[in-house]
PDB file of N, CA and C in Angstrom:
ATOM      1  N   MET A   1       0.838  -1.175   0.000  1.00  0.00           N
ATOM      2  CA  MET A   1       0.000   0.000   0.000  1.00  0.00           C
ATOM      3  C   MET A   1       0.885   1.241   0.000  1.00  0.00           C
ATOM      4  N   ASN A   2       0.532   2.206  -0.826  1.00  0.00           N
ATOM      5  CA  ASN A   2       1.298   3.445  -0.905  1.00  0.00           C
ATOM      6  C   ASN A   2       1.053   4.301   0.317  1.00  0.00           C
ATOM      7  N   SER A   3       2.083   4.999   0.729  1.00  0.00           N
ATOM      8  CA  SER A   3       1.942   5.958   1.811  1.00  0.00           C
ATOM      9  C   SER A   3       1.409   7.255   1.221  1.00  0.00           C
ATOM     10  N   VAL A   4       0.296   7.743   1.747  1.00  0.00           N
ATOM     11  CA  VAL A   4      -0.330   8.953   1.229  1.00  0.00           C
ATOM     12  C   VAL A   4      -0.137  10.065   2.250  1.00  0.00           C
ATOM     13  N   PRO A   5       0.477  11.190   1.830  1.00  0.00           N
ATOM     14  CA  PRO A   5       0.650  12.296   2.765  1.00  0.00           C
ATOM     15  C   PRO A   5      -0.699  12.869   3.165  1.00  0.00           C
ATOM     16  N   ARG A   6      -0.799  13.371   4.386  1.00  0.00           N
ATOM     17  CA  ARG A   6      -2.058  13.917   4.881  1.00  0.00           C
ATOM     18  C   ARG A   6      -1.926  15.402   5.165  1.00  0.00           C
ATOM     19  N   ALA A   7      -2.999  16.126   4.899  1.00  0.00           N
ATOM     20  CA  ALA A   7      -3.084  17.523   5.309  1.00  0.00           C
ATOM     21  C   ALA A   7      -3.622  17.526   6.728  1.00  0.00           C
ATOM     22  N   ILE A   8      -2.974  18.247   7.618  1.00  0.00           N
ATOM     23  CA  ILE A   8      -3.430  18.303   8.995  1.00  0.00           C
ATOM     24  C   ILE A   8      -3.627  19.736   9.426  1.00  0.00           C
ATOM     25  N   SER A   9      -4.450  19.920  10.430  1.00  0.00           N
ATOM     26  CA  SER A   9      -4.706  21.264  10.930  1.00  0.00           C
ATOM     27  C   SER A   9      -3.472  21.778  11.666  1.00  0.00           C
ATOM     28  N   THR A  10      -3.175  23.055  11.481  1.00  0.00           N
ATOM     29  CA  THR A  10      -2.034  23.664  12.169  1.00  0.00           C
ATOM     30  C   THR A  10      -2.384  24.054  13.592  1.00  0.00           C
ATOM     31  N   GLY A  11      -3.650  24.085  13.922  1.00  0.00           N
ATOM     32  CA  GLY A  11      -4.075  24.506  15.242  1.00  0.00           C
ATOM     33  C   GLY A  11      -4.273  26.003  15.331  1.00  0.00           C
ATOM     34  N   ASN A  12      -3.737  26.759  14.371  1.00  0.00           N
ATOM     35  CA  ASN A  12      -3.867  28.209  14.390  1.00  0.00           C
ATOM     36  C   ASN A  12      -5.235  28.661  13.931  1.00  0.00           C
ATOM     37  N   SER A  13      -5.775  28.017  12.939  1.00  0.00           N
ATOM     38  CA  SER A  13      -7.076  28.391  12.394  1.00  0.00           C
ATOM     39  C   SER A  13      -7.831  27.113  12.067  1.00  0.00           C
ATOM     40  N   PRO A  14      -9.071  26.993  12.527  1.00  0.00           N
ATOM     41  CA  PRO A  14      -9.802  25.750  12.272  1.00  0.00           C
ATOM     42  C   PRO A  14     -10.128  25.512  10.811  1.00  0.00           C
ATOM     43  N   SER A  15      -9.950  26.518   9.948  1.00  0.00           N
ATOM     44  CA  SER A  15     -10.281  26.312   8.533  1.00  0.00           C
ATOM     45  C   SER A  15      -9.062  26.421   7.621  1.00  0.00           C
ATOM     46  N   SER A  16      -7.864  26.158   8.154  1.00  0.00           N
ATOM     47  CA  SER A  16      -6.642  26.223   7.349  1.00  0.00           C
ATOM     48  C   SER A  16      -5.801  24.973   7.560  1.00  0.00           C
ATOM     49  N   PRO A  17      -5.940  23.975   6.666  1.00  0.00           N
ATOM     50  CA  PRO A  17      -5.097  22.786   6.809  1.00  0.00           C
ATOM     51  C   PRO A  17      -3.638  23.123   6.501  1.00  0.00           C
ATOM     52  N   LYS A  18      -2.741  22.370   7.110  1.00  0.00           N
ATOM     53  CA  LYS A  18      -1.319  22.546   6.833  1.00  0.00           C
ATOM     54  C   LYS A  18      -1.060  22.112   5.390  1.00  0.00           C
ATOM     55  N   PRO A  19      -0.387  22.949   4.590  1.00  0.00           N
ATOM     56  CA  PRO A  19      -0.131  22.581   3.192  1.00  0.00           C
ATOM     57  C   PRO A  19       0.776  21.353   3.079  1.00  0.00           C
ATOM     58  N   LEU A  20       0.541  20.560   2.052  1.00  0.00           N
ATOM     59  CA  LEU A  20       1.422  19.440   1.746  1.00  0.00           C
ATOM     60  C   LEU A  20       2.696  19.969   1.099  1.00  0.00           C
ATOM     61  N   SER A  21       3.738  19.196   1.161  1.00  0.00           N
ATOM     62  CA  SER A  21       4.986  19.532   0.488  1.00  0.00           C
ATOM     63  C   SER A  21       4.726  19.682  -1.005  1.00  0.00           C
ATOM     64  N   GLN A  22       5.403  20.611  -1.648  1.00  0.00           N
ATOM     65  CA  GLN A  22       5.257  20.794  -3.097  1.00  0.00           C
ATOM     66  C   GLN A  22       5.626  19.517  -3.855  1.00  0.00           C
ATOM     67  N   ALA A  23       6.478  18.686  -3.273  1.00  0.00           N
ATOM     68  CA  ALA A  23       6.915  17.456  -3.925  1.00  0.00           C
ATOM     69  C   ALA A  23       5.874  16.338  -3.819  1.00  0.00           C
ATOM     70  N   ALA A  24       4.897  16.488  -2.943  1.00  0.00           N
ATOM     71  CA  ALA A  24       3.887  15.441  -2.745  1.00  0.00           C
ATOM     72  C   ALA A  24       3.005  15.332  -3.986  1.00  0.00           C
ATOM     73  N   ARG A  25       2.960  14.149  -4.576  1.00  0.00           N
ATOM     74  CA  ARG A  25       2.117  13.897  -5.745  1.00  0.00           C
ATOM     75  C   ARG A  25       1.121  12.798  -5.386  1.00  0.00           C
ATOM     76  N   LEU A  26      -0.128  13.000  -5.729  1.00  0.00           N
ATOM     77  CA  LEU A  26      -1.182  12.040  -5.425  1.00  0.00           C
ATOM     78  C   LEU A  26      -1.808  11.481  -6.699  1.00  0.00           C
ATOM     79  N   ASP A  27      -1.043  11.482  -7.778  1.00  0.00           N
ATOM     80  CA  ASP A  27      -1.519  10.969  -9.057  1.00  0.00           C
ATOM     81  C   ASP A  27      -2.043   9.543  -8.891  1.00  0.00           C
ATOM     82  N   SER A  28      -3.148   9.248  -9.552  1.00  0.00           N
ATOM     83  CA  SER A  28      -3.826   7.949  -9.559  1.00  0.00           C
ATOM     84  C   SER A  28      -4.421   7.570  -8.201  1.00  0.00           C
ATOM     85  N   GLN A  29      -4.434   8.493  -7.244  1.00  0.00           N
ATOM     86  CA  GLN A  29      -5.012   8.235  -5.919  1.00  0.00           C
ATOM     87  C   GLN A  29      -6.436   8.779  -5.856  1.00  0.00           C
ATOM     88  N   THR A  30      -7.221   8.221  -4.951  1.00  0.00           N
ATOM     89  CA  THR A  30      -8.573   8.698  -4.678  1.00  0.00           C
ATOM     90  C   THR A  30      -8.621   9.141  -3.228  1.00  0.00           C
ATOM     91  N   ALA A  31      -9.275  10.270  -2.974  1.00  0.00           N
ATOM     92  CA  ALA A  31      -9.449  10.751  -1.601  1.00  0.00           C
ATOM     93  C   ALA A  31     -10.929  10.964  -1.334  1.00  0.00           C
ATOM     94  N   ILE A  32     -11.351  10.616  -0.124  1.00  0.00           N
ATOM     95  CA  ILE A  32     -12.697  10.906   0.338  1.00  0.00           C
ATOM     96  C   ILE A  32     -12.547  11.908   1.471  1.00  0.00           C
ATOM     97  N   VAL A  33     -13.199  13.065   1.318  1.00  0.00           N
ATOM     98  CA  VAL A  33     -13.101  14.120   2.324  1.00  0.00           C
ATOM     99  C   VAL A  33     -14.497  14.396   2.859  1.00  0.00           C
ATOM    100  N   THR A  34     -14.667  14.252   4.171  1.00  0.00           N
ATOM    101  CA  THR A  34     -15.956  14.557   4.789  1.00  0.00           C
ATOM    102  C   THR A  34     -15.939  15.986   5.306  1.00  0.00           C
ATOM    103  N   GLY A  35     -17.104  16.522   5.533  1.00  0.00           N
ATOM    104  CA  GLY A  35     -17.192  17.898   6.022  1.00  0.00           C
ATOM    105  C   GLY A  35     -16.717  18.886   4.984  1.00  0.00           C
ATOM    106  N   ALA A  36     -17.049  18.634   3.722  1.00  0.00           N
ATOM    107  CA  ALA A  36     -16.484  19.416   2.619  1.00  0.00           C
ATOM    108  C   ALA A  36     -17.385  20.561   2.164  1.00  0.00           C
ATOM    109  N   SER A  37     -18.287  21.015   3.023  1.00  0.00           N
ATOM    110  CA  SER A  37     -19.104  22.182   2.671  1.00  0.00           C
ATOM    111  C   SER A  37     -18.219  23.413   2.574  1.00  0.00           C
ATOM    112  N   VAL A  38     -18.577  24.335   1.689  1.00  0.00           N
ATOM    113  CA  VAL A  38     -17.783  25.549   1.471  1.00  0.00           C
ATOM    114  C   VAL A  38     -17.564  26.270   2.799  1.00  0.00           C
ATOM    115  N   GLY A  39     -16.318  26.628   3.058  1.00  0.00           N
ATOM    116  CA  GLY A  39     -15.973  27.376   4.261  1.00  0.00           C
ATOM    117  C   GLY A  39     -15.473  26.517   5.400  1.00  0.00           C
ATOM    118  N   GLY A  40     -15.584  25.195   5.275  1.00  0.00           N
ATOM    119  CA  GLY A  40     -15.153  24.308   6.344  1.00  0.00           C
ATOM    120  C   GLY A  40     -13.744  23.768   6.143  1.00  0.00           C
ATOM    121  N   LEU A  41     -13.231  23.126   7.163  1.00  0.00           N
ATOM    122  CA  LEU A  41     -11.895  22.537   7.116  1.00  0.00           C
ATOM    123  C   LEU A  41     -11.808  21.466   6.033  1.00  0.00           C
ATOM    124  N   GLY A  42     -12.857  20.644   5.897  1.00  0.00           N
ATOM    125  CA  GLY A  42     -12.854  19.605   4.872  1.00  0.00           C
ATOM    126  C   GLY A  42     -12.749  20.178   3.471  1.00  0.00           C
ATOM    127  N   PHE A  43     -13.446  21.280   3.222  1.00  0.00           N
ATOM    128  CA  PHE A  43     -13.385  21.935   1.909  1.00  0.00           C
ATOM    129  C   PHE A  43     -11.973  22.438   1.634  1.00  0.00           C
ATOM    130  N   GLU A  44     -11.351  23.072   2.611  1.00  0.00           N
ATOM    131  CA  GLU A  44      -9.980  23.577   2.441  1.00  0.00           C
ATOM    132  C   GLU A  44      -8.997  22.432   2.242  1.00  0.00           C
ATOM    133  N   ALA A  45      -9.176  21.342   2.983  1.00  0.00           N
ATOM    134  CA  ALA A  45      -8.309  20.170   2.812  1.00  0.00           C
ATOM    135  C   ALA A  45      -8.487  19.561   1.420  1.00  0.00           C
ATOM    136  N   ALA A  46      -9.737  19.524   0.932  1.00  0.00           N
ATOM    137  CA  ALA A  46     -10.009  18.983  -0.403  1.00  0.00           C
ATOM    138  C   ALA A  46      -9.317  19.811  -1.479  1.00  0.00           C
ATOM    139  N   LYS A  47      -9.348  21.126  -1.340  1.00  0.00           N
ATOM    140  CA  LYS A  47      -8.668  21.982  -2.318  1.00  0.00           C
ATOM    141  C   LYS A  47      -7.166  21.715  -2.308  1.00  0.00           C
ATOM    142  N   GLU A  48      -6.594  21.547  -1.138  1.00  0.00           N
ATOM    143  CA  GLU A  48      -5.153  21.275  -1.025  1.00  0.00           C
ATOM    144  C   GLU A  48      -4.818  19.935  -1.677  1.00  0.00           C
ATOM    145  N   LEU A  49      -5.606  18.907  -1.400  1.00  0.00           N
ATOM    146  CA  LEU A  49      -5.363  17.590  -1.996  1.00  0.00           C
ATOM    147  C   LEU A  49      -5.517  17.634  -3.512  1.00  0.00           C
ATOM    148  N   ALA A  50      -6.538  18.324  -4.000  1.00  0.00           N
ATOM    149  CA  ALA A  50      -6.769  18.417  -5.446  1.00  0.00           C
ATOM    150  C   ALA A  50      -5.605  19.094  -6.158  1.00  0.00           C
ATOM    151  N   ALA A  51      -4.941  20.012  -5.492  1.00  0.00           N
ATOM    152  CA  ALA A  51      -3.806  20.717  -6.092  1.00  0.00           C
ATOM    153  C   ALA A  51      -2.598  19.803  -6.293  1.00  0.00           C
ATOM    154  N   HIS A  52      -2.650  18.579  -5.748  1.00  0.00           N
ATOM    155  CA  HIS A  52      -1.522  17.658  -5.858  1.00  0.00           C
ATOM    156  C   HIS A  52      -1.810  16.482  -6.780  1.00  0.00           C
ATOM    157  N   GLY A  53      -2.782  16.649  -7.678  1.00  0.00           N
ATOM    158  CA  GLY A  53      -2.956  15.692  -8.772  1.00  0.00           C
ATOM    159  C   GLY A  53      -3.827  14.491  -8.510  1.00  0.00           C
ATOM    160  N   LEU A  54      -4.759  14.559  -7.565  1.00  0.00           N
ATOM    161  CA  LEU A  54      -5.646  13.419  -7.330  1.00  0.00           C
ATOM    162  C   LEU A  54      -6.372  13.004  -8.607  1.00  0.00           C
ATOM    163  N   ALA A  55      -6.563  11.715  -8.775  1.00  0.00           N
ATOM    164  CA  ALA A  55      -7.353  11.218  -9.904  1.00  0.00           C
ATOM    165  C   ALA A  55      -8.838  11.404  -9.621  1.00  0.00           C
ATOM    166  N   ARG A  56      -9.253  11.189  -8.364  1.00  0.00           N
ATOM    167  CA  ARG A  56     -10.647  11.323  -7.963  1.00  0.00           C
ATOM    168  C   ARG A  56     -10.717  11.944  -6.571  1.00  0.00           C
ATOM    169  N   LEU A  57     -11.687  12.843  -6.409  1.00  0.00           N
ATOM    170  CA  LEU A  57     -11.911  13.483  -5.114  1.00  0.00           C
ATOM    171  C   LEU A  57     -13.393  13.371  -4.805  1.00  0.00           C
ATOM    172  N   ILE A  58     -13.710  12.671  -3.737  1.00  0.00           N
ATOM    173  CA  ILE A  58     -15.096  12.458  -3.334  1.00  0.00           C
ATOM    174  C   ILE A  58     -15.357  13.333  -2.117  1.00  0.00           C
ATOM    175  N   LEU A  59     -16.355  14.233  -2.245  1.00  0.00           N
ATOM    176  CA  LEU A  59     -16.684  15.154  -1.164  1.00  0.00           C
ATOM    177  C   LEU A  59     -17.917  14.650  -0.415  1.00  0.00           C
ATOM    178  N   GLY A  60     -17.788  14.523   0.896  1.00  0.00           N
ATOM    179  CA  GLY A  60     -18.919  14.135   1.736  1.00  0.00           C
ATOM    180  C   GLY A  60     -19.538  15.383   2.351  1.00  0.00           C
ATOM    181  N   VAL A  61     -20.807  15.641   2.034  1.00  0.00           N
ATOM    182  CA  VAL A  61     -21.515  16.813   2.550  1.00  0.00           C
ATOM    183  C   VAL A  61     -22.911  16.379   3.005  1.00  0.00           C
ATOM    184  N   TRP A  62     -23.608  17.241   3.740  1.00  0.00           N
ATOM    185  CA  TRP A  62     -24.934  16.914   4.257  1.00  0.00           C
ATOM    186  C   TRP A  62     -26.016  16.967   3.194  1.00  0.00           C
ATOM    187  N   THR A  63     -25.910  17.898   2.257  1.00  0.00           N
ATOM    188  CA  THR A  63     -26.980  18.050   1.270  1.00  0.00           C
ATOM    189  C   THR A  63     -26.395  18.138  -0.137  1.00  0.00           C
ATOM    190  N   VAL A  64     -27.216  17.799  -1.115  1.00  0.00           N
ATOM    191  CA  VAL A  64     -26.798  17.908  -2.513  1.00  0.00           C
ATOM    192  C   VAL A  64     -26.450  19.358  -2.833  1.00  0.00           C
ATOM    193  N   ALA A  65     -27.227  20.288  -2.308  1.00  0.00           N
ATOM    194  CA  ALA A  65     -26.962  21.714  -2.570  1.00  0.00           C
ATOM    195  C   ALA A  65     -25.579  22.116  -2.061  1.00  0.00           C
ATOM    196  N   SER A  66     -25.184  21.619  -0.884  1.00  0.00           N
ATOM    197  CA  SER A  66     -23.847  21.925  -0.363  1.00  0.00           C
ATOM    198  C   SER A  66     -22.757  21.363  -1.270  1.00  0.00           C
ATOM    199  N   GLY A  67     -22.988  20.156  -1.789  1.00  0.00           N
ATOM    200  CA  GLY A  67     -22.032  19.533  -2.697  1.00  0.00           C
ATOM    201  C   GLY A  67     -21.914  20.300  -4.003  1.00  0.00           C
ATOM    202  N   GLU A  68     -23.032  20.753  -4.525  1.00  0.00           N
ATOM    203  CA  GLU A  68     -23.000  21.523  -5.767  1.00  0.00           C
ATOM    204  C   GLU A  68     -22.257  22.839  -5.565  1.00  0.00           C
ATOM    205  N   THR A  69     -22.450  23.482  -4.434  1.00  0.00           N
ATOM    206  CA  THR A  69     -21.757  24.731  -4.136  1.00  0.00           C
ATOM    207  C   THR A  69     -20.248  24.474  -4.008  1.00  0.00           C
ATOM    208  N   ALA A  70     -19.862  23.382  -3.380  1.00  0.00           N
ATOM    209  CA  ALA A  70     -18.442  23.061  -3.187  1.00  0.00           C
ATOM    210  C   ALA A  70     -17.760  22.687  -4.488  1.00  0.00           C
ATOM    211  N   LYS A  71     -18.531  22.147  -5.448  1.00  0.00           N
ATOM    212  CA  LYS A  71     -17.972  21.712  -6.720  1.00  0.00           C
ATOM    213  C   LYS A  71     -17.390  22.901  -7.434  1.00  0.00           C
TER     214      LYS A  71
END
């Protein structure tokens, strides 16, 4: 199994995940992110992961409308 780097909270701001290293590549990987409504920590983490080449990003949200807004 491949080791996948994780975005973690810095503790300074609840909506700012710690950025991944620029060298981190997630090509051909799939990530599932919960709490991905716009403005939340999950949404910010999803944006960070997507910037590193994910093949698929699955957002877990409470409503379809929240998911459409996050898309």
